[in-house]
């Protein structure tokens, strides 16, 4: 016969107990207040950059999208430099005396 007691050391009980204890931690409360104060004292551009970076770092899909975007930009730069190098080499060959 199952009893109505819930073991708070495992599963959902442990998760919420840890969250509750963390919310009572004075160091975490101080850290949140200081972070909030610093963000409020930032300029508008700095605040926008902070909010964007917090969103990207806090969201797995946003991190993957940013990684893909940065990777594609690097490939574009490398391809452009390679093409420019080939065109410069062809131009140099055309100018060289036979």
PDB file of N, CA and C in Angstrom:
ATOM      1  N   UNK A   1       0.863  -1.181   0.000  1.00  0.00           N
ATOM      2  CA  UNK A   1       0.000   0.000   0.000  1.00  0.00           C
ATOM      3  C   UNK A   1       0.900   1.230   0.000  1.00  0.00           C
ATOM      4  N   UNK A   2       0.774   2.078  -1.024  1.00  0.00           N
ATOM      5  CA  UNK A   2       1.613   3.272  -1.074  1.00  0.00           C
ATOM      6  C   UNK A   2       1.206   4.266   0.002  1.00  0.00           C
ATOM      7  N   UNK A   3       2.202   4.884   0.582  1.00  0.00           N
ATOM      8  CA  UNK A   3       1.927   5.889   1.611  1.00  0.00           C
ATOM      9  C   UNK A   3       1.874   7.277   0.983  1.00  0.00           C
ATOM     10  N   UNK A   4       1.338   8.232   1.713  1.00  0.00           N
ATOM     11  CA  UNK A   4       1.208   9.599   1.205  1.00  0.00           C
ATOM     12  C   UNK A   4       2.465  10.423   1.423  1.00  0.00           C
ATOM     13  N   UNK A   5       3.512   9.841   1.984  1.00  0.00           N
ATOM     14  CA  UNK A   5       4.743  10.592   2.231  1.00  0.00           C
ATOM     15  C   UNK A   5       5.519  10.786   0.945  1.00  0.00           C
ATOM     16  N   UNK A   6       6.092  11.948   0.790  1.00  0.00           N
ATOM     17  CA  UNK A   6       6.901  12.260  -0.387  1.00  0.00           C
ATOM     18  C   UNK A   6       8.344  12.384   0.055  1.00  0.00           C
ATOM     19  N   UNK A   7       9.207  11.673  -0.614  1.00  0.00           N
ATOM     20  CA  UNK A   7      10.632  11.749  -0.307  1.00  0.00           C
ATOM     21  C   UNK A   7      11.202  12.992  -0.974  1.00  0.00           C
ATOM     22  N   UNK A   8      11.590  13.991  -0.167  1.00  0.00           N
ATOM     23  CA  UNK A   8      12.056  15.263  -0.726  1.00  0.00           C
ATOM     24  C   UNK A   8      13.517  15.217  -1.125  1.00  0.00           C
ATOM     25  N   UNK A   9      14.205  14.115  -0.866  1.00  0.00           N
ATOM     26  CA  UNK A   9      15.616  14.015  -1.231  1.00  0.00           C
ATOM     27  C   UNK A   9      15.821  13.531  -2.657  1.00  0.00           C
ATOM     28  N   UNK A  10      14.772  13.100  -3.331  1.00  0.00           N
ATOM     29  CA  UNK A  10      14.894  12.628  -4.707  1.00  0.00           C
ATOM     30  C   UNK A  10      13.823  13.261  -5.561  1.00  0.00           C
ATOM     31  N   UNK A  11      14.075  13.321  -6.838  1.00  0.00           N
ATOM     32  CA  UNK A  11      13.070  13.761  -7.801  1.00  0.00           C
ATOM     33  C   UNK A  11      12.691  15.217  -7.685  1.00  0.00           C
ATOM     34  N   UNK A  12      11.392  15.444  -7.827  1.00  0.00           N
ATOM     35  CA  UNK A  12      10.860  16.796  -7.877  1.00  0.00           C
ATOM     36  C   UNK A  12      11.061  17.519  -6.553  1.00  0.00           C
ATOM     37  N   UNK A  13      10.905  16.805  -5.454  1.00  0.00           N
ATOM     38  CA  UNK A  13      11.075  17.425  -4.137  1.00  0.00           C
ATOM     39  C   UNK A  13      12.460  18.004  -3.957  1.00  0.00           C
ATOM     40  N   UNK A  14      13.479  17.278  -4.385  1.00  0.00           N
ATOM     41  CA  UNK A  14      14.856  17.758  -4.262  1.00  0.00           C
ATOM     42  C   UNK A  14      15.086  18.975  -5.136  1.00  0.00           C
ATOM     43  N   UNK A  15      14.488  18.973  -6.313  1.00  0.00           N
ATOM     44  CA  UNK A  15      14.650  20.108  -7.228  1.00  0.00           C
ATOM     45  C   UNK A  15      14.091  21.384  -6.608  1.00  0.00           C
ATOM     46  N   UNK A  16      12.862  21.306  -6.113  1.00  0.00           N
ATOM     47  CA  UNK A  16      12.231  22.499  -5.553  1.00  0.00           C
ATOM     48  C   UNK A  16      12.826  22.889  -4.210  1.00  0.00           C
ATOM     49  N   UNK A  17      13.284  21.909  -3.443  1.00  0.00           N
ATOM     50  CA  UNK A  17      13.938  22.229  -2.177  1.00  0.00           C
ATOM     51  C   UNK A  17      15.220  23.008  -2.441  1.00  0.00           C
ATOM     52  N   UNK A  18      15.988  22.566  -3.449  1.00  0.00           N
ATOM     53  CA  UNK A  18      17.216  23.274  -3.806  1.00  0.00           C
ATOM     54  C   UNK A  18      16.941  24.679  -4.298  1.00  0.00           C
ATOM     55  N   UNK A  19      15.902  24.840  -5.112  1.00  0.00           N
ATOM     56  CA  UNK A  19      15.548  26.173  -5.598  1.00  0.00           C
ATOM     57  C   UNK A  19      15.124  27.075  -4.448  1.00  0.00           C
ATOM     58  N   UNK A  20      14.357  26.522  -3.480  1.00  0.00           N
ATOM     59  CA  UNK A  20      13.903  27.305  -2.336  1.00  0.00           C
ATOM     60  C   UNK A  20      15.084  27.731  -1.478  1.00  0.00           C
ATOM     61  N   UNK A  21      15.995  26.809  -1.212  1.00  0.00           N
ATOM     62  CA  UNK A  21      17.153  27.142  -0.391  1.00  0.00           C
ATOM     63  C   UNK A  21      18.048  28.158  -1.086  1.00  0.00           C
ATOM     64  N   UNK A  22      18.164  28.047  -2.406  1.00  0.00           N
ATOM     65  CA  UNK A  22      18.977  29.003  -3.150  1.00  0.00           C
ATOM     66  C   UNK A  22      18.366  30.397  -3.105  1.00  0.00           C
ATOM     67  N   UNK A  23      17.029  30.480  -3.115  1.00  0.00           N
ATOM     68  CA  UNK A  23      16.380  31.789  -3.074  1.00  0.00           C
ATOM     69  C   UNK A  23      16.577  32.467  -1.727  1.00  0.00           C
ATOM     70  N   UNK A  24      16.847  31.691  -0.681  1.00  0.00           N
ATOM     71  CA  UNK A  24      17.076  32.256   0.644  1.00  0.00           C
ATOM     72  C   UNK A  24      18.525  32.673   0.862  1.00  0.00           C
ATOM     73  N   UNK A  25      19.418  32.275  -0.004  1.00  0.00           N
ATOM     74  CA  UNK A  25      20.839  32.556   0.141  1.00  0.00           C
ATOM     75  C   UNK A  25      21.072  34.068   0.031  1.00  0.00           C
ATOM     76  N   UNK A  26      21.636  34.716   1.048  1.00  0.00           N
ATOM     77  CA  UNK A  26      21.835  36.171   0.999  1.00  0.00           C
ATOM     78  C   UNK A  26      22.858  36.588  -0.062  1.00  0.00           C
ATOM     79  N   UNK A  27      23.795  35.721  -0.379  1.00  0.00           N
ATOM     80  CA  UNK A  27      24.788  36.071  -1.400  1.00  0.00           C
ATOM     81  C   UNK A  27      24.134  36.144  -2.778  1.00  0.00           C
ATOM     82  N   UNK A  28      23.207  35.215  -3.067  1.00  0.00           N
ATOM     83  CA  UNK A  28      22.500  35.264  -4.351  1.00  0.00           C
ATOM     84  C   UNK A  28      21.623  36.498  -4.441  1.00  0.00           C
ATOM     85  N   UNK A  29      20.953  36.847  -3.354  1.00  0.00           N
ATOM     86  CA  UNK A  29      20.113  38.052  -3.347  1.00  0.00           C
ATOM     87  C   UNK A  29      20.971  39.295  -3.575  1.00  0.00           C
ATOM     88  N   UNK A  30      22.124  39.373  -2.915  1.00  0.00           N
ATOM     89  CA  UNK A  30      23.033  40.501  -3.108  1.00  0.00           C
ATOM     90  C   UNK A  30      23.513  40.570  -4.554  1.00  0.00           C
ATOM     91  N   UNK A  31      23.858  39.411  -5.120  1.00  0.00           N
ATOM     92  CA  UNK A  31      24.334  39.364  -6.504  1.00  0.00           C
ATOM     93  C   UNK A  31      23.258  39.860  -7.465  1.00  0.00           C
ATOM     94  N   UNK A  32      22.014  39.435  -7.256  1.00  0.00           N
ATOM     95  CA  UNK A  32      20.917  39.887  -8.123  1.00  0.00           C
ATOM     96  C   UNK A  32      20.707  41.394  -8.005  1.00  0.00           C
ATOM     97  N   UNK A  33      20.755  41.922  -6.780  1.00  0.00           N
ATOM     98  CA  UNK A  33      20.587  43.370  -6.595  1.00  0.00           C
ATOM     99  C   UNK A  33      21.714  44.154  -7.267  1.00  0.00           C
ATOM    100  N   UNK A  34      22.933  43.697  -7.105  1.00  0.00           N
ATOM    101  CA  UNK A  34      24.085  44.380  -7.707  1.00  0.00           C
ATOM    102  C   UNK A  34      24.025  44.323  -9.236  1.00  0.00           C
ATOM    103  N   UNK A  35      23.650  43.168  -9.775  1.00  0.00           N
ATOM    104  CA  UNK A  35      23.523  43.041 -11.227  1.00  0.00           C
ATOM    105  C   UNK A  35      22.454  43.979 -11.746  1.00  0.00           C
ATOM    106  N   UNK A  36      21.344  44.028 -11.053  1.00  0.00           N
ATOM    107  CA  UNK A  36      20.252  44.916 -11.448  1.00  0.00           C
ATOM    108  C   UNK A  36      20.692  46.380 -11.386  1.00  0.00           C
ATOM    109  N   UNK A  37      21.410  46.743 -10.342  1.00  0.00           N
ATOM    110  CA  UNK A  37      21.896  48.129 -10.202  1.00  0.00           C
ATOM    111  C   UNK A  37      22.864  48.481 -11.324  1.00  0.00           C
ATOM    112  N   UNK A  38      23.753  47.580 -11.641  1.00  0.00           N
ATOM    113  CA  UNK A  38      24.733  47.841 -12.703  1.00  0.00           C
ATOM    114  C   UNK A  38      24.065  47.968 -14.065  1.00  0.00           C
ATOM    115  N   UNK A  39      23.081  47.120 -14.330  1.00  0.00           N
ATOM    116  CA  UNK A  39      22.377  47.180 -15.612  1.00  0.00           C
ATOM    117  C   UNK A  39      21.624  48.502 -15.729  1.00  0.00           C
ATOM    118  N   UNK A  40      20.995  48.953 -14.640  1.00  0.00           N
ATOM    119  CA  UNK A  40      20.268  50.231 -14.671  1.00  0.00           C
ATOM    120  C   UNK A  40      21.205  51.404 -14.898  1.00  0.00           C
ATOM    121  N   UNK A  41      22.449  51.298 -14.447  1.00  0.00           N
ATOM    122  CA  UNK A  41      23.392  52.413 -14.595  1.00  0.00           C
ATOM    123  C   UNK A  41      24.060  52.439 -15.979  1.00  0.00           C
ATOM    124  N   UNK A  42      23.830  51.410 -16.795  1.00  0.00           N
ATOM    125  CA  UNK A  42      24.427  51.359 -18.134  1.00  0.00           C
ATOM    126  C   UNK A  42      23.720  52.328 -19.079  1.00  0.00           C
ATOM    127  N   UNK A  43      24.434  52.693 -20.127  1.00  0.00           N
ATOM    128  CA  UNK A  43      23.823  53.459 -21.199  1.00  0.00           C
ATOM    129  C   UNK A  43      22.901  52.560 -22.009  1.00  0.00           C
ATOM    130  N   UNK A  44      22.124  53.172 -22.896  1.00  0.00           N
ATOM    131  CA  UNK A  44      21.120  52.403 -23.650  1.00  0.00           C
ATOM    132  C   UNK A  44      21.778  51.373 -24.571  1.00  0.00           C
ATOM    133  N   UNK A  45      22.866  51.745 -25.235  1.00  0.00           N
ATOM    134  CA  UNK A  45      23.540  50.801 -26.137  1.00  0.00           C
ATOM    135  C   UNK A  45      24.137  49.639 -25.353  1.00  0.00           C
ATOM    136  N   UNK A  46      24.789  49.949 -24.233  1.00  0.00           N
ATOM    137  CA  UNK A  46      25.364  48.888 -23.400  1.00  0.00           C
ATOM    138  C   UNK A  46      24.276  47.964 -22.868  1.00  0.00           C
ATOM    139  N   UNK A  47      23.147  48.535 -22.476  1.00  0.00           N
ATOM    140  CA  UNK A  47      22.043  47.733 -21.948  1.00  0.00           C
ATOM    141  C   UNK A  47      21.479  46.812 -23.027  1.00  0.00           C
ATOM    142  N   UNK A  48      21.347  47.326 -24.266  1.00  0.00           N
ATOM    143  CA  UNK A  48      20.855  46.487 -25.363  1.00  0.00           C
ATOM    144  C   UNK A  48      21.812  45.337 -25.654  1.00  0.00           C
ATOM    145  N   UNK A  49      23.101  45.631 -25.664  1.00  0.00           N
ATOM    146  CA  UNK A  49      24.102  44.583 -25.898  1.00  0.00           C
ATOM    147  C   UNK A  49      24.066  43.560 -24.769  1.00  0.00           C
ATOM    148  N   UNK A  50      23.930  44.027 -23.533  1.00  0.00           N
ATOM    149  CA  UNK A  50      23.849  43.115 -22.382  1.00  0.00           C
ATOM    150  C   UNK A  50      22.619  42.225 -22.490  1.00  0.00           C
ATOM    151  N   UNK A  51      21.481  42.808 -22.837  1.00  0.00           N
ATOM    152  CA  UNK A  51      20.252  42.029 -22.948  1.00  0.00           C
ATOM    153  C   UNK A  51      20.362  40.997 -24.073  1.00  0.00           C
ATOM    154  N   UNK A  52      20.946  41.410 -25.213  1.00  0.00           N
ATOM    155  CA  UNK A  52      21.108  40.480 -26.334  1.00  0.00           C
ATOM    156  C   UNK A  52      22.039  39.331 -25.951  1.00  0.00           C
ATOM    157  N   UNK A  53      23.168  39.661 -25.329  1.00  0.00           N
ATOM    158  CA  UNK A  53      24.117  38.601 -24.964  1.00  0.00           C
ATOM    159  C   UNK A  53      23.532  37.690 -23.886  1.00  0.00           C
ATOM    160  N   UNK A  54      22.757  38.245 -22.966  1.00  0.00           N
ATOM    161  CA  UNK A  54      22.105  37.399 -21.953  1.00  0.00           C
ATOM    162  C   UNK A  54      21.108  36.453 -22.602  1.00  0.00           C
ATOM    163  N   UNK A  55      20.373  36.948 -23.585  1.00  0.00           N
ATOM    164  CA  UNK A  55      19.427  36.093 -24.294  1.00  0.00           C
ATOM    165  C   UNK A  55      20.148  34.972 -25.028  1.00  0.00           C
ATOM    166  N   UNK A  56      21.211  35.328 -25.756  1.00  0.00           N
ATOM    167  CA  UNK A  56      21.940  34.320 -26.537  1.00  0.00           C
ATOM    168  C   UNK A  56      22.577  33.287 -25.622  1.00  0.00           C
ATOM    169  N   UNK A  57      23.194  33.731 -24.543  1.00  0.00           N
ATOM    170  CA  UNK A  57      23.867  32.791 -23.650  1.00  0.00           C
ATOM    171  C   UNK A  57      22.878  31.961 -22.832  1.00  0.00           C
ATOM    172  N   UNK A  58      21.659  32.446 -22.661  1.00  0.00           N
ATOM    173  CA  UNK A  58      20.682  31.725 -21.865  1.00  0.00           C
ATOM    174  C   UNK A  58      19.781  30.798 -22.655  1.00  0.00           C
ATOM    175  N   UNK A  59      19.924  30.770 -23.971  1.00  0.00           N
ATOM    176  CA  UNK A  59      19.031  29.987 -24.804  1.00  0.00           C
ATOM    177  C   UNK A  59      19.862  29.104 -25.725  1.00  0.00           C
ATOM    178  N   UNK A  60      19.671  27.798 -25.647  1.00  0.00           N
ATOM    179  CA  UNK A  60      20.495  26.858 -26.426  1.00  0.00           C
ATOM    180  C   UNK A  60      20.327  27.064 -27.930  1.00  0.00           C
ATOM    181  N   UNK A  61      19.090  27.247 -28.379  1.00  0.00           N
ATOM    182  CA  UNK A  61      18.857  27.434 -29.817  1.00  0.00           C
ATOM    183  C   UNK A  61      19.467  28.743 -30.312  1.00  0.00           C
ATOM    184  N   UNK A  62      19.401  29.773 -29.499  1.00  0.00           N
ATOM    185  CA  UNK A  62      20.009  31.050 -29.892  1.00  0.00           C
ATOM    186  C   UNK A  62      21.524  30.911 -29.979  1.00  0.00           C
ATOM    187  N   UNK A  63      22.123  30.146 -29.055  1.00  0.00           N
ATOM    188  CA  UNK A  63      23.577  29.918 -29.136  1.00  0.00           C
ATOM    189  C   UNK A  63      23.942  29.172 -30.409  1.00  0.00           C
ATOM    190  N   UNK A  64      23.166  28.152 -30.765  1.00  0.00           N
ATOM    191  CA  UNK A  64      23.451  27.394 -31.985  1.00  0.00           C
ATOM    192  C   UNK A  64      23.264  28.268 -33.226  1.00  0.00           C
ATOM    193  N   UNK A  65      22.234  29.098 -33.229  1.00  0.00           N
ATOM    194  CA  UNK A  65      22.008  30.001 -34.364  1.00  0.00           C
ATOM    195  C   UNK A  65      23.155  30.998 -34.479  1.00  0.00           C
ATOM    196  N   UNK A  66      23.620  31.520 -33.349  1.00  0.00           N
ATOM    197  CA  UNK A  66      24.735  32.478 -33.372  1.00  0.00           C
ATOM    198  C   UNK A  66      26.017  31.792 -33.840  1.00  0.00           C
ATOM    199  N   UNK A  67      26.246  30.567 -33.401  1.00  0.00           N
ATOM    200  CA  UNK A  67      27.421  29.818 -33.839  1.00  0.00           C
ATOM    201  C   UNK A  67      27.378  29.583 -35.347  1.00  0.00           C
ATOM    202  N   UNK A  68      26.229  29.203 -35.860  1.00  0.00           N
ATOM    203  CA  UNK A  68      26.064  28.994 -37.295  1.00  0.00           C
ATOM    204  C   UNK A  68      26.287  30.296 -38.066  1.00  0.00           C
ATOM    205  N   UNK A  69      25.722  31.389 -37.569  1.00  0.00           N
ATOM    206  CA  UNK A  69      25.869  32.696 -38.211  1.00  0.00           C
ATOM    207  C   UNK A  69      27.340  33.124 -38.262  1.00  0.00           C
ATOM    208  N   UNK A  70      28.035  33.008 -37.141  1.00  0.00           N
ATOM    209  CA  UNK A  70      29.446  33.398 -37.097  1.00  0.00           C
ATOM    210  C   UNK A  70      30.279  32.484 -37.990  1.00  0.00           C
ATOM    211  N   UNK A  71      29.978  31.200 -37.992  1.00  0.00           N
ATOM    212  CA  UNK A  71      30.704  30.273 -38.864  1.00  0.00           C
ATOM    213  C   UNK A  71      30.514  30.608 -40.338  1.00  0.00           C
ATOM    214  N   UNK A  72      29.272  30.908 -40.726  1.00  0.00           N
ATOM    215  CA  UNK A  72      29.013  31.287 -42.121  1.00  0.00           C
ATOM    216  C   UNK A  72      29.700  32.593 -42.490  1.00  0.00           C
ATOM    217  N   UNK A  73      29.736  33.546 -41.568  1.00  0.00           N
ATOM    218  CA  UNK A  73      30.459  34.787 -41.847  1.00  0.00           C
ATOM    219  C   UNK A  73      31.947  34.523 -42.062  1.00  0.00           C
ATOM    220  N   UNK A  74      32.525  33.642 -41.264  1.00  0.00           N
ATOM    221  CA  UNK A  74      33.934  33.305 -41.450  1.00  0.00           C
ATOM    222  C   UNK A  74      34.160  32.641 -42.807  1.00  0.00           C
ATOM    223  N   UNK A  75      33.285  31.733 -43.188  1.00  0.00           N
ATOM    224  CA  UNK A  75      33.410  31.094 -44.499  1.00  0.00           C
ATOM    225  C   UNK A  75      33.298  32.118 -45.624  1.00  0.00           C
ATOM    226  N   UNK A  76      32.407  33.074 -45.491  1.00  0.00           N
ATOM    227  CA  UNK A  76      32.251  34.128 -46.488  1.00  0.00           C
ATOM    228  C   UNK A  76      33.523  34.956 -46.614  1.00  0.00           C
ATOM    229  N   UNK A  77      34.118  35.311 -45.500  1.00  0.00           N
ATOM    230  CA  UNK A  77      35.359  36.098 -45.532  1.00  0.00           C
ATOM    231  C   UNK A  77      36.488  35.295 -46.171  1.00  0.00           C
ATOM    232  N   UNK A  78      36.624  34.033 -45.801  1.00  0.00           N
ATOM    233  CA  UNK A  78      37.691  33.195 -46.368  1.00  0.00           C
ATOM    234  C   UNK A  78      37.474  33.024 -47.867  1.00  0.00           C
ATOM    235  N   UNK A  79      36.244  32.779 -48.292  1.00  0.00           N
ATOM    236  CA  UNK A  79      35.960  32.602 -49.718  1.00  0.00           C
ATOM    237  C   UNK A  79      36.230  33.892 -50.486  1.00  0.00           C
ATOM    238  N   UNK A  80      35.871  35.023 -49.912  1.00  0.00           N
ATOM    239  CA  UNK A  80      36.120  36.311 -50.575  1.00  0.00           C
ATOM    240  C   UNK A  80      37.615  36.575 -50.701  1.00  0.00           C
ATOM    241  N   UNK A  81      38.364  36.313 -49.639  1.00  0.00           N
ATOM    242  CA  UNK A  81      39.817  36.513 -49.704  1.00  0.00           C
ATOM    243  C   UNK A  81      40.463  35.566 -50.706  1.00  0.00           C
ATOM    244  N   UNK A  82      39.997  34.331 -50.762  1.00  0.00           N
ATOM    245  CA  UNK A  82      40.547  33.365 -51.707  1.00  0.00           C
ATOM    246  C   UNK A  82      40.267  33.796 -53.140  1.00  0.00           C
ATOM    247  N   UNK A  83      39.042  34.228 -53.396  1.00  0.00           N
ATOM    248  CA  UNK A  83      38.682  34.684 -54.748  1.00  0.00           C
ATOM    249  C   UNK A  83      39.490  35.924 -55.142  1.00  0.00           C
ATOM    250  N   UNK A  84      39.656  36.843 -54.211  1.00  0.00           N
ATOM    251  CA  UNK A  84      40.449  38.045 -54.489  1.00  0.00           C
ATOM    252  C   UNK A  84      41.897  37.680 -54.776  1.00  0.00           C
ATOM    253  N   UNK A  85      42.424  36.711 -54.036  1.00  0.00           N
ATOM    254  CA  UNK A  85      43.797  36.269 -54.256  1.00  0.00           C
ATOM    255  C   UNK A  85      43.944  35.656 -55.652  1.00  0.00           C
ATOM    256  N   UNK A  86      42.977  34.839 -56.066  1.00  0.00           N
ATOM    257  CA  UNK A  86      43.037  34.232 -57.395  1.00  0.00           C
ATOM    258  C   UNK A  86      42.944  35.291 -58.498  1.00  0.00           C
ATOM    259  N   UNK A  87      42.077  36.281 -58.314  1.00  0.00           N
ATOM    260  CA  UNK A  87      41.950  37.341 -59.311  1.00  0.00           C
ATOM    261  C   UNK A  87      43.221  38.169 -59.389  1.00  0.00           C
ATOM    262  N   UNK A  88      43.845  38.439 -58.235  1.00  0.00           N
ATOM    263  CA  UNK A  88      45.097  39.200 -58.236  1.00  0.00           C
ATOM    264  C   UNK A  88      46.200  38.407 -58.925  1.00  0.00           C
ATOM    265  N   UNK A  89      46.208  37.097 -58.723  1.00  0.00           N
ATOM    266  CA  UNK A  89      47.207  36.246 -59.360  1.00  0.00           C
ATOM    267  C   UNK A  89      47.012  36.239 -60.875  1.00  0.00           C
ATOM    268  N   UNK A  90      45.759  36.170 -61.338  1.00  0.00           N
ATOM    269  CA  UNK A  90      45.483  36.208 -62.777  1.00  0.00           C
ATOM    270  C   UNK A  90      45.888  37.550 -63.375  1.00  0.00           C
ATOM    271  N   UNK A  91      45.625  38.638 -62.661  1.00  0.00           N
ATOM    272  CA  UNK A  91      45.997  39.972 -63.144  1.00  0.00           C
ATOM    273  C   UNK A  91      47.511  40.093 -63.240  1.00  0.00           C
ATOM    274  N   UNK A  92      48.214  39.545 -62.271  1.00  0.00           N
ATOM    275  CA  UNK A  92      49.675  39.592 -62.262  1.00  0.00           C
ATOM    276  C   UNK A  92      50.244  38.798 -63.443  1.00  0.00           C
ATOM    277  N   UNK A  93      49.628  37.676 -63.790  1.00  0.00           N
ATOM    278  CA  UNK A  93      50.096  36.871 -64.918  1.00  0.00           C
ATOM    279  C   UNK A  93      49.863  37.607 -66.238  1.00  0.00           C
ATOM    280  N   UNK A  94      48.752  38.342 -66.339  1.00  0.00           N
ATOM    281  CA  UNK A  94      48.472  39.090 -67.574  1.00  0.00           C
ATOM    282  C   UNK A  94      49.470  40.205 -67.788  1.00  0.00           C
ATOM    283  N   UNK A  95      49.952  40.806 -66.721  1.00  0.00           N
ATOM    284  CA  UNK A  95      50.896  41.935 -66.813  1.00  0.00           C
ATOM    285  C   UNK A  95      52.330  41.465 -67.057  1.00  0.00           C
ATOM    286  N   UNK A  96      52.644  40.247 -66.699  1.00  0.00           N
ATOM    287  CA  UNK A  96      54.022  39.758 -66.807  1.00  0.00           C
ATOM    288  C   UNK A  96      54.411  39.647 -68.276  1.00  0.00           C
ATOM    289  N   UNK A  97      55.634  40.076 -68.615  1.00  0.00           N
ATOM    290  CA  UNK A  97      56.073  39.946 -70.016  1.00  0.00           C
ATOM    291  C   UNK A  97      56.290  38.480 -70.380  1.00  0.00           C
ATOM    292  N   UNK A  98      55.981  38.142 -71.605  1.00  0.00           N
ATOM    293  CA  UNK A  98      56.125  36.739 -72.026  1.00  0.00           C
ATOM    294  C   UNK A  98      57.564  36.282 -72.159  1.00  0.00           C
TER     295      UNK A  98
END
